[in-house]
Amino acid sequence: MLVLASSFTTQLISCTIACVGFAYWFNVKGIQVLYSGIGAFFTWAVYYVCFEMTNSNFQATLFGAIFVAIFAQIMARVNRAPATIFLCVCVFPLVPGPNLYYMMYYLVLENYKVAKEEAVTLVLTCVGIALGFIVVDIFNKYIVIIFKRLKGQLVSEHGERY
């Protein structure tokens, strides 16, 4: 496999610059561009560290996606903006573009064995991203339900709102 940026620092810097560019391309405004760059930086850091520890693309992608989803929820509240803004930009480091390219490339070359390997990696990466987002969304919904119930108990016990 060809490695273009062998140094971890170079990967982090190039990933951040690319995602800031995507943020501008998607018309993200103001300080949200900076937050998107920070999110992309840490997304790649989480992915890289997890991949080095587990040597599993799926697990590294899953943990990277979980980080993106948590970061997007926090930034949405901080900026009073939709979480989708941060989800779309910060997930770019995890998107399996090279796998899609090589899968198609090897299909054209009729090298079906390598094409199948790339397709499996592609699907697992996409599932990891989706699963990471879903896990955080479900967790977030349960937290909201718990806080609403606790708030309701406080109101009913004391007859007044806190």
N, C-alpha and C. Protein backbone atom coordinates (compact mmCIF):
# COMPACT_ATOMS: atom_id res chain seq x y z
N MET A 1 0.84 -1.18 0.00
CA MET A 1 0.00 0.00 0.00
C MET A 1 0.88 1.25 0.00
N LEU A 2 0.53 2.22 -0.76
CA LEU A 2 1.27 3.46 -0.88
C LEU A 2 0.93 4.39 0.28
N VAL A 3 1.95 4.87 0.97
CA VAL A 3 1.74 5.81 2.07
C VAL A 3 2.31 7.15 1.63
N LEU A 4 1.44 8.14 1.53
CA LEU A 4 1.88 9.46 1.08
C LEU A 4 2.43 10.32 2.21
N ALA A 5 1.84 10.23 3.37
CA ALA A 5 2.26 11.04 4.51
C ALA A 5 2.64 10.10 5.63
N SER A 6 3.91 9.78 5.73
CA SER A 6 4.32 8.78 6.71
C SER A 6 4.32 9.31 8.13
N SER A 7 4.54 10.59 8.31
CA SER A 7 4.61 11.12 9.67
C SER A 7 3.21 11.45 10.19
N PHE A 8 2.99 11.08 11.43
CA PHE A 8 1.70 11.33 12.07
C PHE A 8 1.39 12.83 12.10
N THR A 9 2.37 13.65 12.38
CA THR A 9 2.19 15.10 12.41
C THR A 9 1.74 15.63 11.05
N THR A 10 2.38 15.15 9.98
CA THR A 10 2.01 15.57 8.64
C THR A 10 0.57 15.15 8.32
N GLN A 11 0.19 13.95 8.73
CA GLN A 11 -1.18 13.49 8.51
C GLN A 11 -2.18 14.38 9.23
N LEU A 12 -1.89 14.73 10.48
CA LEU A 12 -2.80 15.58 11.25
C LEU A 12 -2.95 16.96 10.62
N ILE A 13 -1.83 17.55 10.22
CA ILE A 13 -1.87 18.89 9.63
C ILE A 13 -2.61 18.88 8.30
N SER A 14 -2.29 17.92 7.44
CA SER A 14 -2.95 17.88 6.13
C SER A 14 -4.43 17.57 6.26
N CYS A 15 -4.78 16.71 7.18
CA CYS A 15 -6.20 16.39 7.43
C CYS A 15 -6.96 17.62 7.90
N THR A 16 -6.36 18.37 8.81
CA THR A 16 -7.01 19.58 9.34
C THR A 16 -7.20 20.62 8.25
N ILE A 17 -6.16 20.86 7.46
CA ILE A 17 -6.26 21.84 6.37
C ILE A 17 -7.32 21.42 5.35
N ALA A 18 -7.34 20.15 5.00
CA ALA A 18 -8.33 19.66 4.03
C ALA A 18 -9.76 19.83 4.55
N CYS A 19 -9.97 19.52 5.82
CA CYS A 19 -11.32 19.63 6.38
C CYS A 19 -11.75 21.07 6.58
N VAL A 20 -10.82 21.96 6.86
CA VAL A 20 -11.15 23.39 6.90
C VAL A 20 -11.58 23.84 5.50
N GLY A 21 -10.88 23.35 4.49
CA GLY A 21 -11.27 23.64 3.11
C GLY A 21 -12.68 23.14 2.80
N PHE A 22 -12.99 21.92 3.26
CA PHE A 22 -14.35 21.40 3.07
C PHE A 22 -15.37 22.26 3.82
N ALA A 23 -15.01 22.72 4.99
CA ALA A 23 -15.92 23.57 5.76
C ALA A 23 -16.25 24.84 4.97
N TYR A 24 -15.23 25.46 4.39
CA TYR A 24 -15.47 26.64 3.55
C TYR A 24 -16.31 26.29 2.33
N TRP A 25 -16.02 25.13 1.75
CA TRP A 25 -16.76 24.71 0.55
C TRP A 25 -18.24 24.48 0.87
N PHE A 26 -18.53 23.99 2.07
CA PHE A 26 -19.90 23.77 2.50
C PHE A 26 -20.53 25.01 3.13
N ASN A 27 -19.88 26.16 2.99
CA ASN A 27 -20.38 27.44 3.49
C ASN A 27 -20.56 27.47 5.01
N VAL A 28 -19.70 26.78 5.72
CA VAL A 28 -19.68 26.89 7.17
C VAL A 28 -19.11 28.27 7.49
N LYS A 29 -19.71 28.95 8.43
CA LYS A 29 -19.35 30.35 8.70
C LYS A 29 -18.65 30.53 10.04
N GLY A 30 -17.83 31.55 10.11
CA GLY A 30 -17.26 32.05 11.36
C GLY A 30 -16.43 31.04 12.13
N ILE A 31 -16.63 31.06 13.43
CA ILE A 31 -15.85 30.24 14.36
C ILE A 31 -16.12 28.76 14.15
N GLN A 32 -17.24 28.42 13.51
CA GLN A 32 -17.57 27.02 13.27
C GLN A 32 -16.55 26.36 12.34
N VAL A 33 -15.90 27.14 11.47
CA VAL A 33 -14.84 26.60 10.61
C VAL A 33 -13.67 26.14 11.47
N LEU A 34 -13.30 26.95 12.45
CA LEU A 34 -12.21 26.59 13.36
C LEU A 34 -12.56 25.33 14.15
N TYR A 35 -13.77 25.29 14.68
CA TYR A 35 -14.20 24.11 15.43
C TYR A 35 -14.24 22.87 14.54
N SER A 36 -14.62 23.03 13.30
CA SER A 36 -14.63 21.90 12.37
C SER A 36 -13.21 21.39 12.13
N GLY A 37 -12.27 22.30 11.99
CA GLY A 37 -10.87 21.90 11.83
C GLY A 37 -10.33 21.18 13.05
N ILE A 38 -10.68 21.69 14.22
CA ILE A 38 -10.26 21.04 15.47
C ILE A 38 -10.86 19.64 15.56
N GLY A 39 -12.14 19.54 15.20
CA GLY A 39 -12.80 18.23 15.22
C GLY A 39 -12.15 17.24 14.27
N ALA A 40 -11.82 17.70 13.07
CA ALA A 40 -11.17 16.83 12.10
C ALA A 40 -9.79 16.39 12.60
N PHE A 41 -9.06 17.32 13.20
CA PHE A 41 -7.75 17.02 13.77
C PHE A 41 -7.85 15.87 14.77
N PHE A 42 -8.77 16.01 15.72
CA PHE A 42 -8.90 14.99 16.75
C PHE A 42 -9.55 13.71 16.24
N THR A 43 -10.38 13.81 15.23
CA THR A 43 -10.97 12.61 14.63
C THR A 43 -9.86 11.73 14.07
N TRP A 44 -8.95 12.35 13.32
CA TRP A 44 -7.85 11.56 12.75
C TRP A 44 -6.93 11.05 13.85
N ALA A 45 -6.72 11.83 14.90
CA ALA A 45 -5.88 11.38 16.01
C ALA A 45 -6.49 10.15 16.69
N VAL A 46 -7.81 10.19 16.91
CA VAL A 46 -8.49 9.05 17.53
C VAL A 46 -8.39 7.83 16.62
N TYR A 47 -8.65 8.02 15.34
CA TYR A 47 -8.56 6.91 14.39
C TYR A 47 -7.15 6.32 14.39
N TYR A 48 -6.16 7.17 14.27
CA TYR A 48 -4.77 6.73 14.17
C TYR A 48 -4.34 5.95 15.41
N VAL A 49 -4.64 6.49 16.58
CA VAL A 49 -4.25 5.82 17.83
C VAL A 49 -4.97 4.49 17.97
N CYS A 50 -6.26 4.46 17.67
CA CYS A 50 -7.02 3.20 17.76
C CYS A 50 -6.50 2.18 16.76
N PHE A 51 -6.17 2.63 15.55
CA PHE A 51 -5.65 1.71 14.55
C PHE A 51 -4.29 1.16 14.98
N GLU A 52 -3.45 1.99 15.55
CA GLU A 52 -2.15 1.52 16.03
C GLU A 52 -2.30 0.51 17.16
N MET A 53 -3.32 0.69 18.01
CA MET A 53 -3.52 -0.20 19.15
C MET A 53 -4.18 -1.52 18.73
N THR A 54 -5.15 -1.47 17.81
CA THR A 54 -5.93 -2.66 17.48
C THR A 54 -5.57 -3.27 16.13
N ASN A 55 -4.97 -2.50 15.25
CA ASN A 55 -4.69 -2.90 13.87
C ASN A 55 -5.98 -3.33 13.15
N SER A 56 -7.09 -2.71 13.53
CA SER A 56 -8.39 -3.01 12.93
C SER A 56 -8.99 -1.71 12.38
N ASN A 57 -9.18 -1.68 11.07
CA ASN A 57 -9.78 -0.50 10.44
C ASN A 57 -11.20 -0.28 10.95
N PHE A 58 -11.96 -1.36 11.13
CA PHE A 58 -13.34 -1.22 11.60
C PHE A 58 -13.41 -0.60 12.99
N GLN A 59 -12.61 -1.12 13.92
CA GLN A 59 -12.64 -0.58 15.29
C GLN A 59 -12.15 0.86 15.33
N ALA A 60 -11.10 1.15 14.58
CA ALA A 60 -10.59 2.52 14.56
C ALA A 60 -11.62 3.47 13.96
N THR A 61 -12.30 3.04 12.91
CA THR A 61 -13.35 3.86 12.30
C THR A 61 -14.52 4.03 13.25
N LEU A 62 -14.90 2.97 13.92
CA LEU A 62 -16.01 3.04 14.89
C LEU A 62 -15.70 4.06 15.99
N PHE A 63 -14.53 3.99 16.58
CA PHE A 63 -14.17 4.92 17.64
C PHE A 63 -14.02 6.34 17.11
N GLY A 64 -13.49 6.49 15.90
CA GLY A 64 -13.41 7.80 15.28
C GLY A 64 -14.80 8.39 15.06
N ALA A 65 -15.73 7.57 14.60
CA ALA A 65 -17.11 8.04 14.37
C ALA A 65 -17.81 8.38 15.68
N ILE A 66 -17.55 7.61 16.70
CA ILE A 66 -18.12 7.93 18.02
C ILE A 66 -17.60 9.28 18.49
N PHE A 67 -16.31 9.51 18.31
CA PHE A 67 -15.75 10.81 18.68
C PHE A 67 -16.42 11.92 17.87
N VAL A 68 -16.55 11.74 16.56
CA VAL A 68 -17.17 12.77 15.70
C VAL A 68 -18.57 13.08 16.18
N ALA A 69 -19.35 12.06 16.47
CA ALA A 69 -20.74 12.28 16.89
C ALA A 69 -20.81 13.01 18.23
N ILE A 70 -19.97 12.64 19.17
CA ILE A 70 -19.96 13.33 20.46
C ILE A 70 -19.51 14.78 20.28
N PHE A 71 -18.45 14.97 19.52
CA PHE A 71 -17.93 16.32 19.25
C PHE A 71 -19.01 17.17 18.57
N ALA A 72 -19.71 16.61 17.60
CA ALA A 72 -20.74 17.36 16.88
C ALA A 72 -21.88 17.76 17.82
N GLN A 73 -22.28 16.86 18.72
CA GLN A 73 -23.34 17.19 19.67
C GLN A 73 -22.91 18.33 20.61
N ILE A 74 -21.69 18.27 21.07
CA ILE A 74 -21.18 19.32 21.97
C ILE A 74 -21.09 20.65 21.22
N MET A 75 -20.50 20.63 20.04
CA MET A 75 -20.34 21.87 19.26
C MET A 75 -21.68 22.44 18.82
N ALA A 76 -22.66 21.59 18.59
CA ALA A 76 -23.99 22.07 18.22
C ALA A 76 -24.59 22.88 19.38
N ARG A 77 -24.38 22.43 20.58
CA ARG A 77 -24.91 23.15 21.73
C ARG A 77 -24.10 24.42 22.01
N VAL A 78 -22.80 24.32 21.87
CA VAL A 78 -21.94 25.49 22.10
C VAL A 78 -22.25 26.60 21.10
N ASN A 79 -22.43 26.23 19.83
CA ASN A 79 -22.64 27.20 18.76
C ASN A 79 -24.11 27.47 18.44
N ARG A 80 -25.01 26.74 19.11
CA ARG A 80 -26.44 26.85 18.81
C ARG A 80 -26.68 26.70 17.31
N ALA A 81 -26.14 25.61 16.79
CA ALA A 81 -26.21 25.30 15.36
C ALA A 81 -26.51 23.81 15.23
N PRO A 82 -26.95 23.39 14.06
CA PRO A 82 -27.21 21.95 13.87
C PRO A 82 -25.92 21.12 13.97
N ALA A 83 -26.06 19.95 14.55
CA ALA A 83 -24.90 19.05 14.68
C ALA A 83 -24.42 18.57 13.31
N THR A 84 -25.30 18.58 12.33
CA THR A 84 -24.96 18.11 10.99
C THR A 84 -23.79 18.89 10.40
N ILE A 85 -23.67 20.16 10.72
CA ILE A 85 -22.56 20.98 10.23
C ILE A 85 -21.24 20.33 10.61
N PHE A 86 -21.12 19.93 11.86
CA PHE A 86 -19.87 19.37 12.36
C PHE A 86 -19.73 17.90 11.97
N LEU A 87 -20.83 17.17 11.90
CA LEU A 87 -20.77 15.78 11.46
C LEU A 87 -20.22 15.67 10.05
N CYS A 88 -20.74 16.50 9.16
CA CYS A 88 -20.34 16.42 7.74
C CYS A 88 -18.87 16.73 7.53
N VAL A 89 -18.37 17.73 8.21
CA VAL A 89 -16.98 18.14 7.99
C VAL A 89 -16.01 17.24 8.75
N CYS A 90 -16.31 16.94 9.99
CA CYS A 90 -15.35 16.20 10.82
C CYS A 90 -15.25 14.72 10.47
N VAL A 91 -16.22 14.19 9.75
CA VAL A 91 -16.17 12.78 9.39
C VAL A 91 -15.31 12.52 8.15
N PHE A 92 -14.93 13.56 7.43
CA PHE A 92 -14.17 13.38 6.20
C PHE A 92 -12.90 12.54 6.35
N PRO A 93 -12.15 12.67 7.44
CA PRO A 93 -10.96 11.82 7.54
C PRO A 93 -11.27 10.33 7.56
N LEU A 94 -12.49 9.96 7.93
CA LEU A 94 -12.86 8.55 8.02
C LEU A 94 -13.46 8.00 6.73
N VAL A 95 -13.85 8.85 5.82
CA VAL A 95 -14.54 8.42 4.60
C VAL A 95 -13.61 7.55 3.76
N PRO A 96 -14.09 6.38 3.33
CA PRO A 96 -13.22 5.41 2.64
C PRO A 96 -13.08 5.66 1.14
N GLY A 97 -12.72 6.84 0.74
CA GLY A 97 -12.56 7.17 -0.67
C GLY A 97 -11.55 6.30 -1.40
N PRO A 98 -10.36 6.10 -0.82
CA PRO A 98 -9.38 5.26 -1.53
C PRO A 98 -9.88 3.83 -1.75
N ASN A 99 -10.62 3.29 -0.78
CA ASN A 99 -11.14 1.93 -0.95
C ASN A 99 -12.12 1.85 -2.10
N LEU A 100 -12.97 2.85 -2.23
CA LEU A 100 -13.91 2.89 -3.35
C LEU A 100 -13.16 2.99 -4.68
N TYR A 101 -12.16 3.86 -4.71
CA TYR A 101 -11.37 4.03 -5.93
C TYR A 101 -10.68 2.73 -6.32
N TYR A 102 -9.99 2.11 -5.38
CA TYR A 102 -9.26 0.89 -5.70
C TYR A 102 -10.19 -0.28 -6.01
N MET A 103 -11.34 -0.33 -5.37
CA MET A 103 -12.31 -1.37 -5.70
C MET A 103 -12.72 -1.24 -7.17
N MET A 104 -13.06 -0.03 -7.58
CA MET A 104 -13.46 0.19 -8.97
C MET A 104 -12.29 -0.05 -9.93
N TYR A 105 -11.10 0.38 -9.53
CA TYR A 105 -9.91 0.21 -10.35
C TYR A 105 -9.65 -1.27 -10.62
N TYR A 106 -9.71 -2.08 -9.57
CA TYR A 106 -9.45 -3.51 -9.74
C TYR A 106 -10.60 -4.23 -10.43
N LEU A 107 -11.80 -3.72 -10.32
CA LEU A 107 -12.91 -4.28 -11.11
C LEU A 107 -12.66 -4.06 -12.60
N VAL A 108 -12.22 -2.88 -12.95
CA VAL A 108 -11.93 -2.57 -14.35
C VAL A 108 -10.78 -3.46 -14.86
N LEU A 109 -9.80 -3.69 -14.01
CA LEU A 109 -8.68 -4.56 -14.39
C LEU A 109 -9.04 -6.04 -14.32
N GLU A 110 -10.24 -6.33 -13.88
CA GLU A 110 -10.76 -7.69 -13.72
C GLU A 110 -9.95 -8.51 -12.71
N ASN A 111 -9.41 -7.83 -11.72
CA ASN A 111 -8.73 -8.48 -10.60
C ASN A 111 -9.75 -8.55 -9.46
N TYR A 112 -10.62 -9.54 -9.53
CA TYR A 112 -11.78 -9.61 -8.64
C TYR A 112 -11.42 -9.92 -7.19
N LYS A 113 -10.31 -10.59 -6.99
CA LYS A 113 -9.90 -10.92 -5.62
C LYS A 113 -9.56 -9.65 -4.84
N VAL A 114 -8.74 -8.79 -5.41
CA VAL A 114 -8.35 -7.55 -4.74
C VAL A 114 -9.56 -6.61 -4.66
N ALA A 115 -10.38 -6.60 -5.72
CA ALA A 115 -11.58 -5.76 -5.72
C ALA A 115 -12.51 -6.17 -4.57
N LYS A 116 -12.62 -7.46 -4.35
CA LYS A 116 -13.47 -7.95 -3.25
C LYS A 116 -12.91 -7.52 -1.90
N GLU A 117 -11.58 -7.61 -1.73
CA GLU A 117 -10.96 -7.18 -0.46
C GLU A 117 -11.22 -5.70 -0.21
N GLU A 118 -11.09 -4.89 -1.24
CA GLU A 118 -11.35 -3.44 -1.10
C GLU A 118 -12.83 -3.18 -0.81
N ALA A 119 -13.71 -3.97 -1.43
CA ALA A 119 -15.15 -3.81 -1.20
C ALA A 119 -15.52 -4.14 0.24
N VAL A 120 -14.91 -5.18 0.78
CA VAL A 120 -15.18 -5.56 2.17
C VAL A 120 -14.71 -4.46 3.11
N THR A 121 -13.51 -3.94 2.87
CA THR A 121 -13.00 -2.83 3.69
C THR A 121 -13.90 -1.61 3.57
N LEU A 122 -14.35 -1.32 2.36
CA LEU A 122 -15.25 -0.19 2.11
C LEU A 122 -16.54 -0.33 2.91
N VAL A 123 -17.15 -1.50 2.84
CA VAL A 123 -18.43 -1.71 3.55
C VAL A 123 -18.22 -1.66 5.06
N LEU A 124 -17.16 -2.29 5.55
CA LEU A 124 -16.91 -2.26 6.99
C LEU A 124 -16.65 -0.84 7.50
N THR A 125 -15.96 -0.06 6.71
CA THR A 125 -15.70 1.33 7.10
C THR A 125 -17.00 2.12 7.16
N CYS A 126 -17.85 1.95 6.17
CA CYS A 126 -19.15 2.64 6.16
C CYS A 126 -20.02 2.20 7.32
N VAL A 127 -20.02 0.91 7.62
CA VAL A 127 -20.79 0.40 8.76
C VAL A 127 -20.23 0.96 10.06
N GLY A 128 -18.91 1.06 10.18
CA GLY A 128 -18.30 1.62 11.38
C GLY A 128 -18.71 3.06 11.60
N ILE A 129 -18.73 3.85 10.53
CA ILE A 129 -19.16 5.26 10.64
C ILE A 129 -20.62 5.33 11.08
N ALA A 130 -21.48 4.57 10.39
CA ALA A 130 -22.91 4.61 10.72
C ALA A 130 -23.17 4.11 12.14
N LEU A 131 -22.52 3.04 12.52
CA LEU A 131 -22.72 2.48 13.85
C LEU A 131 -22.25 3.45 14.94
N GLY A 132 -21.13 4.12 14.70
CA GLY A 132 -20.64 5.11 15.67
C GLY A 132 -21.63 6.23 15.87
N PHE A 133 -22.19 6.73 14.77
CA PHE A 133 -23.19 7.80 14.85
C PHE A 133 -24.44 7.32 15.58
N ILE A 134 -24.88 6.10 15.29
CA ILE A 134 -26.10 5.56 15.89
C ILE A 134 -25.92 5.35 17.39
N VAL A 135 -24.78 4.83 17.80
CA VAL A 135 -24.51 4.59 19.23
C VAL A 135 -24.62 5.90 20.01
N VAL A 136 -24.00 6.94 19.51
CA VAL A 136 -24.04 8.23 20.22
C VAL A 136 -25.45 8.82 20.19
N ASP A 137 -26.15 8.67 19.09
CA ASP A 137 -27.51 9.21 19.00
C ASP A 137 -28.44 8.51 20.00
N ILE A 138 -28.34 7.20 20.09
CA ILE A 138 -29.17 6.45 21.05
C ILE A 138 -28.82 6.85 22.48
N PHE A 139 -27.53 6.93 22.78
CA PHE A 139 -27.09 7.33 24.11
C PHE A 139 -27.60 8.73 24.45
N ASN A 140 -27.52 9.63 23.48
CA ASN A 140 -27.98 11.01 23.67
C ASN A 140 -29.48 11.05 23.96
N LYS A 141 -30.25 10.26 23.24
CA LYS A 141 -31.70 10.23 23.46
C LYS A 141 -32.05 9.70 24.85
N TYR A 142 -31.33 8.68 25.31
CA TYR A 142 -31.58 8.15 26.65
C TYR A 142 -31.21 9.17 27.73
N ILE A 143 -30.15 9.90 27.54
CA ILE A 143 -29.77 10.93 28.51
C ILE A 143 -30.86 12.00 28.60
N VAL A 144 -31.38 12.42 27.45
CA VAL A 144 -32.46 13.42 27.43
C VAL A 144 -33.69 12.90 28.17
N ILE A 145 -34.05 11.64 27.93
CA ILE A 145 -35.22 11.04 28.60
C ILE A 145 -34.99 11.00 30.10
N ILE A 146 -33.81 10.60 30.53
CA ILE A 146 -33.51 10.52 31.96
C ILE A 146 -33.59 11.90 32.61
N PHE A 147 -33.03 12.90 31.97
CA PHE A 147 -33.08 14.25 32.53
C PHE A 147 -34.51 14.79 32.58
N LYS A 148 -35.32 14.47 31.59
CA LYS A 148 -36.72 14.92 31.62
C LYS A 148 -37.48 14.25 32.76
N ARG A 149 -37.21 12.97 32.99
CA ARG A 149 -37.87 12.28 34.10
C ARG A 149 -37.43 12.84 35.45
N LEU A 150 -36.13 13.09 35.58
CA LEU A 150 -35.63 13.67 36.83
C LEU A 150 -36.23 15.04 37.07
N LYS A 151 -36.33 15.83 36.03
CA LYS A 151 -36.91 17.16 36.14
C LYS A 151 -38.38 17.06 36.53
N GLY A 152 -39.08 16.09 35.95
CA GLY A 152 -40.49 15.88 36.27
C GLY A 152 -40.68 15.46 37.72
N GLN A 153 -39.78 14.63 38.25
CA GLN A 153 -39.87 14.20 39.64
C GLN A 153 -39.65 15.37 40.58
N LEU A 154 -38.72 16.26 40.26
CA LEU A 154 -38.47 17.42 41.10
C LEU A 154 -39.69 18.34 41.13
N VAL A 155 -40.33 18.50 39.99
CA VAL A 155 -41.51 19.35 39.94
C VAL A 155 -42.64 18.73 40.73
N SER A 156 -42.87 17.43 40.60
CA SER A 156 -44.00 16.81 41.29
C SER A 156 -43.77 16.68 42.79
N GLU A 157 -42.54 16.48 43.24
CA GLU A 157 -42.27 16.34 44.67
C GLU A 157 -42.46 17.67 45.42
N HIS A 158 -42.07 18.75 44.81
CA HIS A 158 -42.05 20.02 45.50
C HIS A 158 -43.13 20.98 45.02
N GLY A 159 -43.81 20.63 43.97
CA GLY A 159 -44.88 21.48 43.48
C GLY A 159 -44.43 22.75 42.83
N GLU A 160 -43.19 22.92 42.69
CA GLU A 160 -42.67 24.11 42.02
C GLU A 160 -41.50 23.72 41.14
N ARG A 161 -41.20 24.54 40.20
CA ARG A 161 -40.12 24.25 39.26
C ARG A 161 -38.80 24.79 39.80
N TYR A 162 -37.75 24.04 39.54
CA TYR A 162 -36.41 24.45 39.93
C TYR A 162 -35.68 24.96 38.74
